[in-house]
Amino acid sequence: MANTKSAIKAARKSARFTVRNQAVKTRLKTLHKKLDAAIKAGEAAATKVAANAYASAMDKAVKSGVVHRNAASRAKAHTAKYVFAK
């Protein structure tokens, strides 16, 4: 248990950020699954829309500090490989 005022506040912040981070990560996973489904279906238009949504969500996650910028860049590069290859 936290003993000082600053530690108590840090514990509150940690709990709040954990909930936010989990929501963002869940959304990213959902968007990634939609992208994979569109790629497997072979639908070029749906793949492009899903890729744009996934890349946008990744950028927002980086902006809020949930995902590291290099990890997001790598994920976006993998996504672009499927979008622009066709």
N, C-alpha and C. Protein backbone atom coordinates (compact mmCIF):
# COMPACT_ATOMS: atom_id res chain seq x y z
N MET A 1 0.85 -1.18 0.00
CA MET A 1 0.00 0.00 0.00
C MET A 1 0.89 1.24 0.00
N ALA A 2 0.43 2.25 -0.71
CA ALA A 2 1.19 3.50 -0.80
C ALA A 2 1.16 4.23 0.53
N ASN A 3 2.31 4.81 0.91
CA ASN A 3 2.42 5.47 2.22
C ASN A 3 2.41 6.99 2.12
N THR A 4 2.99 7.54 1.09
CA THR A 4 3.07 9.00 0.99
C THR A 4 1.97 9.54 0.08
N LYS A 5 1.76 10.86 0.18
CA LYS A 5 0.74 11.49 -0.66
C LYS A 5 1.04 11.28 -2.14
N SER A 6 2.30 11.46 -2.51
CA SER A 6 2.66 11.33 -3.92
C SER A 6 2.49 9.88 -4.40
N ALA A 7 2.77 8.92 -3.54
CA ALA A 7 2.61 7.51 -3.91
C ALA A 7 1.14 7.15 -4.05
N ILE A 8 0.30 7.74 -3.21
CA ILE A 8 -1.14 7.50 -3.31
C ILE A 8 -1.67 8.05 -4.63
N LYS A 9 -1.23 9.26 -4.96
CA LYS A 9 -1.65 9.88 -6.22
C LYS A 9 -1.13 9.06 -7.41
N ALA A 10 0.11 8.60 -7.32
CA ALA A 10 0.69 7.79 -8.40
C ALA A 10 -0.10 6.49 -8.59
N ALA A 11 -0.55 5.90 -7.49
CA ALA A 11 -1.34 4.66 -7.57
C ALA A 11 -2.68 4.93 -8.25
N ARG A 12 -3.30 6.07 -7.93
CA ARG A 12 -4.56 6.43 -8.58
C ARG A 12 -4.36 6.64 -10.08
N LYS A 13 -3.29 7.35 -10.43
CA LYS A 13 -2.99 7.61 -11.84
C LYS A 13 -2.71 6.30 -12.58
N SER A 14 -1.97 5.42 -11.93
CA SER A 14 -1.62 4.16 -12.54
C SER A 14 -2.87 3.35 -12.87
N ALA A 15 -3.82 3.33 -11.95
CA ALA A 15 -5.07 2.60 -12.19
C ALA A 15 -5.84 3.22 -13.35
N ARG A 16 -5.88 4.55 -13.39
CA ARG A 16 -6.61 5.25 -14.44
C ARG A 16 -5.97 4.99 -15.81
N PHE A 17 -4.64 5.07 -15.87
CA PHE A 17 -3.93 4.85 -17.13
C PHE A 17 -4.02 3.40 -17.59
N THR A 18 -4.05 2.48 -16.64
CA THR A 18 -4.16 1.07 -16.99
C THR A 18 -5.46 0.80 -17.73
N VAL A 19 -6.54 1.38 -17.23
CA VAL A 19 -7.84 1.19 -17.88
C VAL A 19 -7.82 1.79 -19.28
N ARG A 20 -7.28 3.00 -19.41
CA ARG A 20 -7.22 3.66 -20.71
C ARG A 20 -6.35 2.87 -21.69
N ASN A 21 -5.19 2.44 -21.22
CA ASN A 21 -4.27 1.70 -22.09
C ASN A 21 -4.90 0.40 -22.56
N GLN A 22 -5.61 -0.28 -21.67
CA GLN A 22 -6.24 -1.55 -22.04
C GLN A 22 -7.30 -1.33 -23.11
N ALA A 23 -8.07 -0.24 -22.99
CA ALA A 23 -9.09 0.06 -23.98
C ALA A 23 -8.46 0.34 -25.34
N VAL A 24 -7.39 1.09 -25.35
CA VAL A 24 -6.72 1.42 -26.62
C VAL A 24 -6.13 0.17 -27.25
N LYS A 25 -5.49 -0.66 -26.46
CA LYS A 25 -4.89 -1.89 -26.99
C LYS A 25 -5.94 -2.85 -27.53
N THR A 26 -7.08 -2.92 -26.85
CA THR A 26 -8.17 -3.78 -27.32
C THR A 26 -8.68 -3.29 -28.66
N ARG A 27 -8.82 -1.96 -28.80
CA ARG A 27 -9.27 -1.39 -30.08
C ARG A 27 -8.26 -1.69 -31.18
N LEU A 28 -6.98 -1.60 -30.88
CA LEU A 28 -5.95 -1.89 -31.87
C LEU A 28 -6.04 -3.36 -32.32
N LYS A 29 -6.23 -4.24 -31.37
CA LYS A 29 -6.33 -5.67 -31.71
C LYS A 29 -7.54 -5.93 -32.59
N THR A 30 -8.66 -5.28 -32.28
CA THR A 30 -9.87 -5.45 -33.08
C THR A 30 -9.66 -4.95 -34.50
N LEU A 31 -9.06 -3.77 -34.63
CA LEU A 31 -8.79 -3.23 -35.96
C LEU A 31 -7.83 -4.11 -36.75
N HIS A 32 -6.86 -4.70 -36.05
CA HIS A 32 -5.90 -5.58 -36.71
C HIS A 32 -6.59 -6.85 -37.21
N LYS A 33 -7.52 -7.38 -36.42
CA LYS A 33 -8.27 -8.56 -36.85
C LYS A 33 -9.13 -8.25 -38.07
N LYS A 34 -9.73 -7.05 -38.10
CA LYS A 34 -10.53 -6.65 -39.26
C LYS A 34 -9.65 -6.52 -40.49
N LEU A 35 -8.46 -6.00 -40.31
CA LEU A 35 -7.51 -5.88 -41.42
C LEU A 35 -7.13 -7.25 -41.94
N ASP A 36 -6.81 -8.17 -41.04
CA ASP A 36 -6.45 -9.53 -41.45
C ASP A 36 -7.58 -10.21 -42.20
N ALA A 37 -8.81 -9.99 -41.73
CA ALA A 37 -9.97 -10.59 -42.39
C ALA A 37 -10.13 -10.04 -43.80
N ALA A 38 -9.92 -8.73 -43.96
CA ALA A 38 -10.05 -8.11 -45.28
C ALA A 38 -8.95 -8.61 -46.21
N ILE A 39 -7.75 -8.80 -45.68
CA ILE A 39 -6.64 -9.29 -46.50
C ILE A 39 -6.93 -10.72 -46.96
N LYS A 40 -7.41 -11.57 -46.04
CA LYS A 40 -7.69 -12.96 -46.37
C LYS A 40 -8.85 -13.08 -47.36
N ALA A 41 -9.81 -12.14 -47.27
CA ALA A 41 -10.94 -12.16 -48.19
C ALA A 41 -10.53 -11.68 -49.58
N GLY A 42 -9.42 -10.98 -49.66
CA GLY A 42 -8.92 -10.51 -50.95
C GLY A 42 -9.63 -9.28 -51.48
N GLU A 43 -10.27 -8.55 -50.59
CA GLU A 43 -11.00 -7.35 -50.99
C GLU A 43 -10.06 -6.14 -50.88
N ALA A 44 -9.70 -5.58 -52.02
CA ALA A 44 -8.73 -4.49 -52.03
C ALA A 44 -9.28 -3.23 -51.37
N ALA A 45 -10.53 -2.89 -51.65
CA ALA A 45 -11.12 -1.67 -51.08
C ALA A 45 -11.26 -1.78 -49.58
N ALA A 46 -11.75 -2.93 -49.12
CA ALA A 46 -11.93 -3.14 -47.67
C ALA A 46 -10.58 -3.17 -46.96
N THR A 47 -9.58 -3.72 -47.61
CA THR A 47 -8.24 -3.77 -47.03
C THR A 47 -7.68 -2.36 -46.85
N LYS A 48 -7.89 -1.52 -47.86
CA LYS A 48 -7.38 -0.15 -47.77
C LYS A 48 -8.06 0.63 -46.66
N VAL A 49 -9.38 0.48 -46.53
CA VAL A 49 -10.13 1.17 -45.48
C VAL A 49 -9.68 0.69 -44.10
N ALA A 50 -9.55 -0.63 -43.95
CA ALA A 50 -9.13 -1.20 -42.68
C ALA A 50 -7.70 -0.78 -42.34
N ALA A 51 -6.84 -0.71 -43.34
CA ALA A 51 -5.45 -0.32 -43.11
C ALA A 51 -5.37 1.13 -42.66
N ASN A 52 -6.17 2.00 -43.28
CA ASN A 52 -6.19 3.40 -42.87
C ASN A 52 -6.68 3.56 -41.44
N ALA A 53 -7.71 2.82 -41.08
CA ALA A 53 -8.24 2.90 -39.71
C ALA A 53 -7.21 2.39 -38.71
N TYR A 54 -6.53 1.31 -39.05
CA TYR A 54 -5.53 0.73 -38.16
C TYR A 54 -4.33 1.67 -37.99
N ALA A 55 -3.88 2.26 -39.08
CA ALA A 55 -2.74 3.19 -39.02
C ALA A 55 -3.10 4.43 -38.21
N SER A 56 -4.30 4.93 -38.40
CA SER A 56 -4.75 6.10 -37.66
C SER A 56 -4.82 5.79 -36.16
N ALA A 57 -5.35 4.63 -35.82
CA ALA A 57 -5.45 4.25 -34.41
C ALA A 57 -4.06 4.06 -33.80
N MET A 58 -3.14 3.54 -34.59
CA MET A 58 -1.76 3.37 -34.12
C MET A 58 -1.13 4.73 -33.82
N ASP A 59 -1.33 5.70 -34.72
CA ASP A 59 -0.78 7.03 -34.52
C ASP A 59 -1.34 7.67 -33.25
N LYS A 60 -2.64 7.49 -33.02
CA LYS A 60 -3.26 8.04 -31.82
C LYS A 60 -2.73 7.36 -30.56
N ALA A 61 -2.47 6.05 -30.65
CA ALA A 61 -1.92 5.32 -29.51
C ALA A 61 -0.51 5.81 -29.18
N VAL A 62 0.26 6.12 -30.22
CA VAL A 62 1.61 6.66 -30.00
C VAL A 62 1.51 8.03 -29.36
N LYS A 63 0.59 8.84 -29.84
CA LYS A 63 0.43 10.20 -29.33
C LYS A 63 0.09 10.19 -27.84
N SER A 64 -0.71 9.22 -27.40
CA SER A 64 -1.09 9.15 -25.99
C SER A 64 -0.11 8.33 -25.16
N GLY A 65 0.91 7.76 -25.81
CA GLY A 65 1.95 7.04 -25.07
C GLY A 65 1.64 5.59 -24.77
N VAL A 66 0.64 5.03 -25.42
CA VAL A 66 0.28 3.63 -25.16
C VAL A 66 1.20 2.68 -25.90
N VAL A 67 1.58 3.07 -27.13
CA VAL A 67 2.43 2.23 -27.97
C VAL A 67 3.70 3.01 -28.30
N HIS A 68 4.82 2.33 -28.34
CA HIS A 68 6.08 2.97 -28.70
C HIS A 68 6.05 3.33 -30.19
N ARG A 69 6.67 4.45 -30.53
CA ARG A 69 6.59 4.92 -31.92
C ARG A 69 7.24 3.96 -32.89
N ASN A 70 8.29 3.28 -32.49
CA ASN A 70 8.93 2.32 -33.40
C ASN A 70 8.05 1.10 -33.63
N ALA A 71 7.34 0.68 -32.60
CA ALA A 71 6.43 -0.46 -32.74
C ALA A 71 5.29 -0.10 -33.68
N ALA A 72 4.78 1.12 -33.55
CA ALA A 72 3.71 1.57 -34.43
C ALA A 72 4.21 1.69 -35.86
N SER A 73 5.40 2.21 -36.03
CA SER A 73 5.98 2.35 -37.36
C SER A 73 6.14 0.99 -38.02
N ARG A 74 6.59 0.03 -37.26
CA ARG A 74 6.78 -1.33 -37.78
C ARG A 74 5.42 -1.93 -38.18
N ALA A 75 4.41 -1.74 -37.34
CA ALA A 75 3.08 -2.28 -37.64
C ALA A 75 2.50 -1.63 -38.89
N LYS A 76 2.70 -0.32 -39.03
CA LYS A 76 2.19 0.39 -40.20
C LYS A 76 2.92 -0.05 -41.47
N ALA A 77 4.21 -0.33 -41.35
CA ALA A 77 4.97 -0.80 -42.51
C ALA A 77 4.47 -2.17 -42.96
N HIS A 78 4.18 -3.04 -42.02
CA HIS A 78 3.65 -4.37 -42.35
C HIS A 78 2.29 -4.23 -43.02
N THR A 79 1.50 -3.28 -42.54
CA THR A 79 0.18 -3.03 -43.11
C THR A 79 0.31 -2.52 -44.54
N ALA A 80 1.21 -1.58 -44.75
CA ALA A 80 1.39 -0.98 -46.07
C ALA A 80 1.84 -2.02 -47.09
N LYS A 81 2.53 -3.03 -46.64
CA LYS A 81 2.99 -4.08 -47.53
C LYS A 81 1.81 -4.76 -48.23
N TYR A 82 0.70 -4.93 -47.50
CA TYR A 82 -0.47 -5.59 -48.08
C TYR A 82 -1.33 -4.62 -48.89
N VAL A 83 -1.32 -3.37 -48.50
CA VAL A 83 -2.17 -2.39 -49.19
C VAL A 83 -1.59 -2.02 -50.54
N PHE A 84 -0.29 -1.75 -50.58
CA PHE A 84 0.31 -1.26 -51.81
C PHE A 84 0.84 -2.37 -52.72
N ALA A 85 0.85 -3.60 -52.23
CA ALA A 85 1.34 -4.70 -53.05
C ALA A 85 0.34 -5.07 -54.14
N LYS A 86 -0.92 -4.70 -53.92
CA LYS A 86 -1.97 -5.11 -54.87
C LYS A 86 -2.42 -4.00 -55.75
